[in-house]
Amino acid sequence: MAIAVNDSNFEEIVLKSEQPVLVDFWAEWCGPCKMMLPIVEEISKEFEGKLTVAKVDVDSSQGTAAKFGIRNIPTILFFKGGAVVDKQVGAVPKASLVGKIEKLL
């Protein structure tokens, strides 16, 4: 299950994570974000224990979205060791994300 992350807990959950983290920046009103929701949830189950999956609502966590320069959603950032190591903007097939995740692990 993806973890809901916001401005107040982003550093603790994402930046200090011992394992790689996929962060999905999304909004309730965003159609492509809704298309990505089941894919992100599947990934969170398939990679449980190896990858942390987090979701940031850009409307309620504008500080975090601004810090990472999120201008288009959905945007998925991949973190390892507290740093952004890869990025995916827009709705994509699950295989595209899995390929990026496998490079992180």
Protein backbone atom coordinates (compact mmCIF):
# COMPACT_ATOMS: atom_id res chain seq x y z
CA MET A 1 0.00 0.00 0.00
CA ALA A 2 1.36 3.42 -0.93
CA ILE A 3 2.08 5.74 1.99
CA ALA A 4 0.49 9.20 1.97
CA VAL A 5 3.31 11.69 2.44
CA ASN A 6 3.07 15.46 2.99
CA ASP A 7 5.24 18.50 3.67
CA SER A 8 5.67 17.58 7.34
CA ASN A 9 6.72 13.92 6.99
CA PHE A 10 8.42 13.87 3.55
CA GLU A 11 11.96 14.10 4.91
CA GLU A 12 11.43 11.32 7.48
CA ILE A 13 9.69 8.87 5.12
CA VAL A 14 11.42 9.60 1.80
CA LEU A 15 14.78 11.26 2.34
CA LYS A 16 15.82 9.16 5.36
CA SER A 17 14.56 5.85 3.95
CA GLU A 18 16.94 2.90 4.06
CA GLN A 19 15.52 1.55 0.81
CA PRO A 20 14.77 3.17 -2.57
CA VAL A 21 11.56 5.22 -2.72
CA LEU A 22 9.10 5.83 -5.55
CA VAL A 23 7.19 9.08 -4.96
CA ASP A 24 4.04 9.71 -7.00
CA PHE A 25 3.15 13.43 -7.14
CA TRP A 26 -0.57 13.62 -7.99
CA ALA A 27 -3.84 15.50 -7.45
CA GLU A 28 -7.45 14.39 -7.04
CA TRP A 29 -8.62 16.37 -10.11
CA CYS A 30 -5.93 14.94 -12.43
CA GLY A 31 -7.23 12.36 -14.93
CA PRO A 32 -3.83 10.84 -15.84
CA CYS A 33 -3.05 10.61 -12.10
CA LYS A 34 -6.16 8.46 -11.63
CA MET A 35 -4.99 6.24 -14.50
CA MET A 36 -1.68 5.70 -12.67
CA LEU A 37 -3.29 4.92 -9.29
CA PRO A 38 -3.83 1.16 -9.84
CA ILE A 39 -0.33 0.81 -11.35
CA VAL A 40 1.30 2.53 -8.39
CA GLU A 41 -0.69 0.35 -5.96
CA GLU A 42 0.32 -2.84 -7.83
CA ILE A 43 3.97 -1.79 -7.69
CA SER A 44 3.71 -1.11 -3.94
CA LYS A 45 2.50 -4.70 -3.40
CA GLU A 46 4.94 -6.35 -5.82
CA PHE A 47 8.01 -4.61 -4.41
CA GLU A 48 6.96 -4.67 -0.75
CA GLY A 49 10.02 -4.92 1.48
CA LYS A 50 12.36 -3.75 -1.33
CA LEU A 51 10.86 -0.38 -2.28
CA THR A 52 8.91 2.26 -0.39
CA VAL A 53 6.03 3.70 -2.42
CA ALA A 54 4.76 7.14 -1.40
CA LYS A 55 2.13 9.52 -2.78
CA VAL A 56 2.22 13.30 -2.44
CA ASP A 57 -0.95 15.31 -3.11
CA VAL A 58 0.43 18.46 -4.76
CA ASP A 59 -2.57 20.53 -3.64
CA SER A 60 -2.05 19.85 0.06
CA SER A 61 1.77 19.62 -0.05
CA GLN A 62 2.72 22.55 -2.23
CA GLY A 63 6.03 23.10 -0.41
CA THR A 64 7.34 19.65 -1.29
CA ALA A 65 6.08 19.90 -4.86
CA ALA A 66 7.82 23.27 -5.28
CA LYS A 67 11.05 22.00 -3.69
CA PHE A 68 11.33 19.29 -6.35
CA GLY A 69 10.15 21.48 -9.24
CA ILE A 70 6.94 19.56 -9.92
CA ARG A 71 5.16 21.42 -12.71
CA ASN A 72 3.27 18.61 -14.42
CA ILE A 73 1.44 15.72 -12.85
CA PRO A 74 1.59 12.87 -12.55
CA THR A 75 5.32 13.05 -11.89
CA ILE A 76 7.08 10.12 -10.30
CA LEU A 77 10.46 10.68 -8.68
CA PHE A 78 12.76 7.84 -7.70
CA PHE A 79 14.92 8.42 -4.62
CA LYS A 80 17.92 6.46 -3.39
CA GLY A 81 20.00 7.55 -0.42
CA GLY A 82 17.92 10.72 -0.04
CA ALA A 83 18.59 11.94 -3.59
CA VAL A 84 16.51 11.97 -6.78
CA VAL A 85 18.05 9.40 -9.14
CA ASP A 86 15.35 9.13 -11.82
CA LYS A 87 12.11 10.78 -12.93
CA GLN A 88 9.01 9.94 -14.96
CA VAL A 89 6.53 12.61 -16.06
CA GLY A 90 3.08 11.69 -17.33
CA ALA A 91 1.06 8.50 -17.42
CA VAL A 92 3.11 5.51 -18.59
CA PRO A 93 2.69 1.74 -18.77
CA LYS A 94 3.61 -0.26 -15.68
CA ALA A 95 6.58 -1.84 -17.50
CA SER A 96 8.23 1.60 -17.83
CA LEU A 97 8.17 2.10 -14.06
CA VAL A 98 9.23 -1.48 -13.30
CA GLY A 99 12.28 -1.03 -15.55
CA LYS A 100 13.33 2.07 -13.61
CA ILE A 101 12.72 0.35 -10.27
CA GLU A 102 14.82 -2.67 -11.24
CA LYS A 103 17.77 -0.34 -11.96
CA LEU A 104 17.44 1.05 -8.41
CA LEU A 105 17.37 -2.27 -6.60
